Protein backbone atom coordinates (compact mmCIF):
# COMPACT_ATOMS: atom_id res chain seq x y z
CA MET A 1 -37.19 -1.98 1.90
CA GLU A 2 -35.24 -4.80 0.46
CA ILE A 3 -32.29 -5.78 2.22
CA ILE A 4 -29.55 -7.49 -0.05
CA HIS A 5 -26.59 -8.24 2.48
CA THR A 6 -26.61 -10.60 5.32
CA SER A 7 -24.08 -9.34 7.80
CA VAL A 8 -21.46 -12.07 8.83
CA LEU A 9 -20.29 -13.12 12.86
CA LEU A 10 -23.00 -10.73 13.88
CA GLN A 11 -23.44 -12.48 17.39
CA GLU A 12 -19.41 -12.62 17.55
CA CYS A 13 -19.45 -9.07 17.12
CA LEU A 14 -22.20 -7.85 19.76
CA GLN A 15 -19.92 -10.13 21.72
CA TYR A 16 -16.77 -9.01 21.44
CA LEU A 17 -17.51 -5.38 20.90
CA ALA A 18 -19.95 -5.07 23.48
CA PRO A 19 -19.95 -1.39 25.20
CA ASP A 20 -18.64 -1.31 28.51
CA HIS A 21 -21.24 1.60 29.85
CA GLY A 22 -23.84 3.49 28.51
CA GLY A 23 -23.58 6.61 26.14
CA SER A 24 -20.55 4.91 24.17
CA LEU A 25 -19.85 6.25 20.81
CA MET A 26 -19.08 3.32 18.19
CA ILE A 27 -17.72 3.84 14.50
CA ASP A 28 -18.74 1.16 11.91
CA GLY A 29 -16.22 1.62 9.44
CA THR A 30 -17.66 0.04 6.64
CA LEU A 31 -21.56 0.60 7.02
CA GLY A 32 -23.00 -1.21 4.10
CA GLU A 33 -26.27 -1.64 4.21
CA GLY A 34 -25.98 -1.06 8.10
CA GLY A 35 -26.88 -4.50 9.46
CA HIS A 36 -23.94 -4.52 11.86
CA THR A 37 -25.31 -1.09 12.78
CA GLU A 38 -28.80 -1.87 13.29
CA ALA A 39 -27.71 -5.29 15.28
CA PHE A 40 -25.72 -3.06 17.94
CA LEU A 41 -28.43 -0.08 18.04
CA THR A 42 -31.02 -2.56 18.71
CA ARG A 43 -29.06 -4.54 21.50
CA TYR A 44 -27.24 -1.64 23.38
CA PRO A 45 -30.33 1.34 23.16
CA ASP A 46 -27.54 3.71 24.77
CA LEU A 47 -25.10 3.12 22.00
CA HIS A 48 -24.24 6.11 19.25
CA ILE A 49 -22.77 5.31 16.03
CA ILE A 50 -21.18 7.09 12.97
CA GLY A 51 -21.26 4.89 9.74
CA ILE A 52 -18.97 5.41 7.05
CA ASP A 53 -19.27 4.15 3.44
CA ALA A 54 -17.38 5.22 0.20
CA ASP A 55 -20.47 4.50 -1.90
CA GLN A 56 -23.10 7.01 -1.49
CA LYS A 57 -25.84 4.83 -3.41
CA ILE A 58 -25.53 1.73 -0.57
CA GLN A 59 -25.30 4.27 2.03
CA GLU A 60 -28.59 5.77 1.30
CA LYS A 61 -30.01 2.34 1.56
CA ALA A 62 -28.30 2.28 5.24
CA LYS A 63 -29.85 5.43 5.78
CA GLU A 64 -33.28 4.50 5.39
CA ARG A 65 -32.86 1.24 6.98
CA LEU A 66 -31.82 3.03 10.36
CA ALA A 67 -33.97 6.17 10.26
CA GLN A 68 -35.71 4.17 13.07
CA PHE A 69 -32.86 5.26 15.28
CA GLY A 70 -33.03 8.90 14.79
CA ASP A 71 -29.93 10.94 16.05
CA ARG A 72 -28.26 7.92 17.61
CA VAL A 73 -26.70 7.55 14.25
CA SER A 74 -24.83 9.93 11.93
CA PHE A 75 -23.24 9.12 8.49
CA TYR A 76 -20.44 10.17 6.52
CA ASN A 77 -19.74 9.50 2.76
CA GLY A 78 -16.08 8.85 2.12
CA TRP A 79 -13.25 6.80 2.84
CA SER A 80 -12.77 5.16 6.51
CA ASP A 81 -8.97 6.14 6.48
CA VAL A 82 -9.51 9.92 5.48
CA PHE A 83 -12.57 10.14 8.04
CA PHE A 84 -9.83 8.81 10.69
CA SER A 85 -7.17 11.07 9.38
CA GLU A 86 -9.59 14.43 9.79
CA TYR A 87 -11.07 13.30 13.09
CA PRO A 88 -10.92 16.18 15.77
CA ASP A 89 -8.94 15.72 18.66
CA ALA A 90 -11.58 17.43 20.50
CA GLU A 91 -14.14 15.06 19.69
CA THR A 92 -15.51 12.42 21.72
CA LYS A 93 -13.10 9.36 21.09
CA PRO A 94 -14.86 5.83 20.17
CA ASP A 95 -14.78 3.14 22.57
CA ARG A 96 -15.70 0.50 19.68
CA ILE A 97 -14.40 0.53 16.01
CA LEU A 98 -15.70 -2.21 13.86
CA ILE A 99 -14.24 -2.59 10.38
CA ASP A 100 -15.90 -4.98 7.82
CA LEU A 101 -13.53 -5.53 4.62
CA GLY A 102 -15.84 -7.66 2.77
CA ILE A 103 -17.85 -6.32 -0.13
CA SER A 104 -21.55 -6.41 0.12
CA LEU A 105 -23.86 -8.54 -1.73
CA PHE A 106 -25.65 -5.41 -2.89
CA HIS A 107 -22.47 -4.82 -5.02
CA TYR A 108 -22.55 -8.08 -6.68
CA GLU A 109 -26.31 -7.94 -7.18
CA LYS A 110 -27.64 -4.68 -7.48
CA SER A 111 -24.89 -2.19 -7.84
CA GLY A 112 -24.33 -1.82 -11.86
CA ARG A 113 -20.61 -1.80 -11.64
CA GLY A 114 -19.75 -5.44 -13.05
CA PHE A 115 -18.57 -6.83 -9.57
CA SER A 116 -19.63 -10.21 -10.40
CA PHE A 117 -18.51 -12.08 -13.54
CA ARG A 118 -22.23 -13.56 -14.03
CA SER A 119 -23.35 -9.99 -14.94
CA ASP A 120 -23.58 -8.12 -18.26
CA GLU A 121 -22.64 -4.80 -16.45
CA PRO A 122 -20.05 -2.34 -17.29
CA LEU A 123 -16.53 -3.32 -16.38
CA ASP A 124 -16.10 -0.78 -13.34
CA MET A 125 -15.61 -2.32 -10.17
CA ARG A 126 -15.11 1.13 -8.32
CA LEU A 127 -16.74 1.27 -4.68
CA ASP A 128 -16.64 5.15 -4.94
CA PRO A 129 -17.97 5.84 -8.28
CA SER A 130 -15.53 9.30 -8.43
CA TYR A 131 -12.55 7.09 -8.09
CA PRO A 132 -10.36 7.72 -11.45
CA GLN A 133 -9.47 4.34 -12.56
CA SER A 134 -12.07 1.49 -13.51
CA ALA A 135 -11.52 -2.18 -13.88
CA ALA A 136 -11.95 -1.70 -17.61
CA ASP A 137 -9.18 0.89 -17.73
CA LEU A 138 -6.77 -1.25 -15.92
CA VAL A 139 -7.45 -4.76 -18.10
CA ASN A 140 -7.38 -2.59 -21.46
CA THR A 141 -4.35 -0.56 -20.98
CA MET A 142 -1.81 -2.65 -18.77
CA ASN A 143 0.79 -4.58 -20.15
CA GLU A 144 0.74 -8.39 -20.15
CA THR A 145 3.37 -8.90 -17.59
CA ALA A 146 2.06 -6.12 -15.36
CA LEU A 147 -1.21 -7.35 -15.45
CA ALA A 148 -0.37 -10.88 -15.05
CA ASP A 149 1.60 -9.68 -11.97
CA LEU A 150 -1.41 -8.04 -10.59
CA ILE A 151 -3.57 -11.04 -10.95
CA TYR A 152 -1.06 -13.38 -9.26
CA GLN A 153 -0.34 -10.86 -6.25
CA PHE A 154 -3.87 -9.94 -5.46
CA GLY A 155 -5.68 -12.83 -6.67
CA GLU A 156 -3.35 -15.66 -5.90
CA GLU A 157 -4.35 -17.08 -9.50
CA ARG A 158 -2.07 -20.04 -10.76
CA TYR A 159 -3.07 -19.32 -14.31
CA SER A 160 -2.49 -15.54 -14.06
CA ARG A 161 -0.05 -15.89 -16.96
CA ARG A 162 -2.39 -17.47 -19.37
CA ILE A 163 -5.05 -15.34 -18.19
CA SER A 164 -3.23 -11.98 -18.95
CA LYS A 165 -2.18 -13.17 -22.32
CA ALA A 166 -5.66 -14.20 -23.31
CA ILE A 167 -6.67 -10.81 -22.09
CA CYS A 168 -4.10 -8.93 -24.11
CA GLU A 169 -4.77 -10.72 -27.39
CA LYS A 170 -8.74 -10.39 -26.94
CA ARG A 171 -8.42 -6.47 -26.54
CA GLY A 172 -6.12 -6.29 -29.34
CA LEU A 173 -9.34 -6.64 -31.25
CA SER A 174 -11.98 -5.21 -29.13
CA LYS A 175 -11.65 -3.46 -25.66
CA PHE A 176 -13.62 -5.07 -22.46
CA SER A 177 -16.42 -3.06 -21.51
CA THR A 178 -18.34 -5.52 -19.77
CA ALA A 179 -17.88 -8.05 -16.75
CA LYS A 180 -19.33 -10.92 -18.87
CA ALA A 181 -16.85 -10.15 -21.66
CA LEU A 182 -13.95 -10.68 -19.22
CA ALA A 183 -15.53 -13.73 -17.69
CA ASP A 184 -15.93 -15.21 -20.91
CA CYS A 185 -12.30 -14.64 -21.87
CA ILE A 186 -11.00 -15.93 -18.58
CA TYR A 187 -12.93 -19.02 -19.05
CA SER A 188 -11.66 -19.81 -22.33
CA ALA A 189 -8.09 -19.28 -21.56
CA VAL A 190 -7.89 -21.57 -18.54
CA PRO A 191 -7.42 -25.70 -18.95
CA GLY A 192 -10.73 -27.54 -19.15
CA GLU A 193 -10.06 -29.30 -15.87
CA TYR A 194 -10.02 -25.74 -14.22
CA ARG A 195 -13.30 -24.53 -15.48
CA HIS A 196 -15.36 -27.08 -13.27
CA GLY A 197 -13.56 -26.56 -9.93
CA ARG A 198 -15.24 -25.47 -6.66
CA ILE A 199 -15.40 -21.72 -7.76
CA HIS A 200 -15.64 -20.10 -11.30
CA PRO A 201 -12.02 -19.48 -12.84
CA ALA A 202 -12.56 -15.69 -13.10
CA THR A 203 -13.30 -15.59 -9.37
CA ARG A 204 -9.73 -14.62 -8.48
CA THR A 205 -8.94 -12.45 -11.42
CA PHE A 206 -11.83 -10.37 -10.50
CA GLN A 207 -11.04 -10.33 -7.01
CA ALA A 208 -7.43 -9.34 -8.24
CA LEU A 209 -8.88 -6.30 -10.24
CA ARG A 210 -11.50 -4.99 -7.39
CA ILE A 211 -8.61 -4.98 -5.05
CA ALA A 212 -6.25 -2.73 -7.39
CA VAL A 213 -8.88 -0.65 -8.58
CA ASN A 214 -9.89 0.27 -4.93
CA GLU A 215 -6.50 0.38 -3.41
CA GLU A 216 -7.56 -2.14 -0.80
CA LEU A 217 -4.67 -3.90 0.31
CA SER A 218 -2.50 -0.51 0.11
CA ARG A 219 -4.82 1.37 2.21
CA LEU A 220 -5.22 -1.24 4.84
CA PRO A 221 -1.99 -0.58 7.05
CA GLY A 222 -2.50 2.70 7.36
CA LEU A 223 -6.56 2.33 7.82
CA LEU A 224 -5.47 0.29 10.91
CA SER A 225 -3.38 2.29 12.24
CA LEU A 226 -5.20 5.47 12.04
CA ALA A 227 -8.10 3.81 13.48
CA LEU A 228 -6.40 2.68 16.54
CA ASP A 229 -4.87 6.20 17.11
CA VAL A 230 -8.68 7.82 16.99
CA LEU A 231 -9.68 4.84 19.36
CA ALA A 232 -10.08 5.55 23.24
CA PRO A 233 -7.76 3.94 25.59
CA ASN A 234 -9.34 0.68 26.80
CA GLY A 235 -11.29 0.76 23.27
CA LYS A 236 -12.07 -2.22 21.16
CA LEU A 237 -11.18 -2.50 17.32
CA GLY A 238 -12.73 -5.43 15.36
CA VAL A 239 -11.69 -6.33 11.86
CA ILE A 240 -13.41 -8.67 9.60
CA THR A 241 -11.62 -10.36 6.49
CA PHE A 242 -12.55 -12.45 3.87
CA HIS A 243 -8.97 -13.56 2.06
CA SER A 244 -5.81 -14.55 3.20
CA LEU A 245 -4.10 -11.42 1.84
CA GLU A 246 -6.11 -8.98 4.06
CA ASP A 247 -6.07 -11.39 6.99
CA ARG A 248 -2.20 -11.50 7.02
CA ILE A 249 -2.07 -7.56 7.09
CA VAL A 250 -4.35 -7.46 9.84
CA LYS A 251 -2.73 -10.44 12.00
CA ASN A 252 0.72 -8.97 11.51
CA TYR A 253 -0.27 -5.50 12.53
CA PHE A 254 -2.29 -6.40 15.66
CA ARG A 255 0.46 -8.92 16.59
CA ASP A 256 3.20 -6.19 16.11
CA MET A 257 1.31 -3.31 18.15
CA GLY A 258 0.82 -6.30 20.84
CA LYS A 259 4.67 -6.55 21.13
CA LYS A 260 6.32 -4.69 23.97
CA CYS A 261 9.69 -5.00 22.15
CA THR A 262 10.75 -5.17 18.42
CA CYS A 263 14.07 -5.69 18.56
CA PRO A 264 15.61 -8.58 16.58
CA PRO A 265 16.16 -12.05 18.27
CA GLU A 266 19.81 -11.71 17.97
CA VAL A 267 19.56 -8.66 20.26
CA PRO A 268 20.09 -10.02 23.97
CA ILE A 269 18.91 -6.81 25.53
CA CYS A 270 15.95 -4.17 24.47
CA ARG A 271 17.55 -1.03 22.74
CA CYS A 272 13.90 -0.19 20.84
CA GLY A 273 12.25 0.92 24.11
CA GLY A 274 9.03 -0.35 22.51
CA LYS A 275 5.53 -0.34 24.12
CA ALA A 276 2.89 -2.64 23.57
CA LYS A 277 -0.04 -0.56 22.26
CA VAL A 278 -2.78 -3.17 22.35
CA GLU A 279 -3.94 -6.72 23.86
CA VAL A 280 -4.77 -9.01 21.45
CA LEU A 281 -8.31 -10.44 22.49
CA THR A 282 -8.41 -12.92 19.58
CA LYS A 283 -5.39 -15.26 20.07
CA LYS A 284 -6.98 -16.99 16.74
CA SER A 285 -9.00 -15.68 14.49
CA VAL A 286 -12.97 -16.15 14.75
CA SER A 287 -14.54 -18.21 12.25
CA PRO A 288 -18.33 -18.25 11.50
CA GLN A 289 -20.17 -21.44 13.05
CA GLU A 290 -21.52 -24.10 10.98
CA ASP A 291 -25.15 -22.81 11.33
CA GLU A 292 -24.66 -19.26 9.93
CA ILE A 293 -22.30 -21.03 7.16
CA ARG A 294 -25.34 -23.06 6.22
CA VAL A 295 -27.70 -20.18 5.98
CA ASN A 296 -25.24 -17.66 4.44
CA PRO A 297 -22.52 -19.55 2.61
CA PRO A 298 -20.35 -16.66 1.91
CA SER A 299 -19.46 -16.19 5.23
CA ARG A 300 -17.57 -19.07 5.38
CA SER A 301 -14.29 -17.21 4.62
CA ALA A 302 -14.84 -14.56 7.16
CA ARG A 303 -12.29 -13.98 10.07
CA LEU A 304 -13.04 -11.52 13.10
CA ARG A 305 -9.82 -10.14 14.73
CA VAL A 306 -10.37 -7.98 18.09
CA VAL A 307 -7.81 -5.89 20.04
CA ARG A 308 -8.07 -3.88 23.19
CA LYS A 309 -6.11 -0.50 22.92
CA LEU A 310 -4.09 -0.03 26.17
CA SER A 311 -4.73 2.60 28.63
CA TYR A 312 -1.81 5.15 29.22
CA GLU A 313 -0.83 3.50 32.62
CA GLU A 314 -0.90 0.13 31.41
CA GLU A 315 1.19 1.29 28.05
CA ASN A 316 3.47 2.73 30.41
CA LYS A 317 3.87 -0.07 33.08
């Protein structure tokens, strides 16, 4: 079978999330084409993994790839936060959880849903096709100010106002239906010097729309909390991020969960009674080595952060 996506920070994940004992259970919260799961199942013969993905199409590819491992791997089609929220208390708690927040190269090249600004595909961008709102719905219905704010907030795009104005003017003549039509509109809207920068001028706007359509940032805090609740004591949670917006959320959440006291600095004596929930194992985020970046340039922006859930005894010291 054809594998489109190359998993990032693979060796680092294998190192930080190595099982402590045989028969461990791991959850791959963003299965994709199954690259991380395949590596873990190969390296650790006694490991069992549950692979989760909201996109049934890509999950079918993962099932084919991982068929060799038989009942050591099982699958859940849906969102990770929903899976964790419904996880039965009586079930075996996972010792390891990996969440890779990146979008698979499969989606850009093979999904047919307009994730890439280079494609003439329908302007969709839904990871789960059953989701009610597509990217086309957003760009064709949002008012100019709200659209500009969305592009600026989720894409950190400096020309968000100009881009939104151009989109609203263009859609007044003809609604946007393809990714290429939107990309061409954005290209024409930005200054000449911005068209020939390090990245395509539509990159940040497409990122913003994808984040909004799939509610990526709004779901993330809940996902982290639910994953930590499900994780077994002494278990490890690793999260891979790809841009500053999501990395900031993960960094701050892990930092807060690692604090014993959350009282304001001006309060001399702790009154909150807070307890640290985790030990942060990556004081700084882990980045890809130059060798990986050379072979897989999209990995350049990947960052891995890992925490260990404290045992009950450690938490109550």
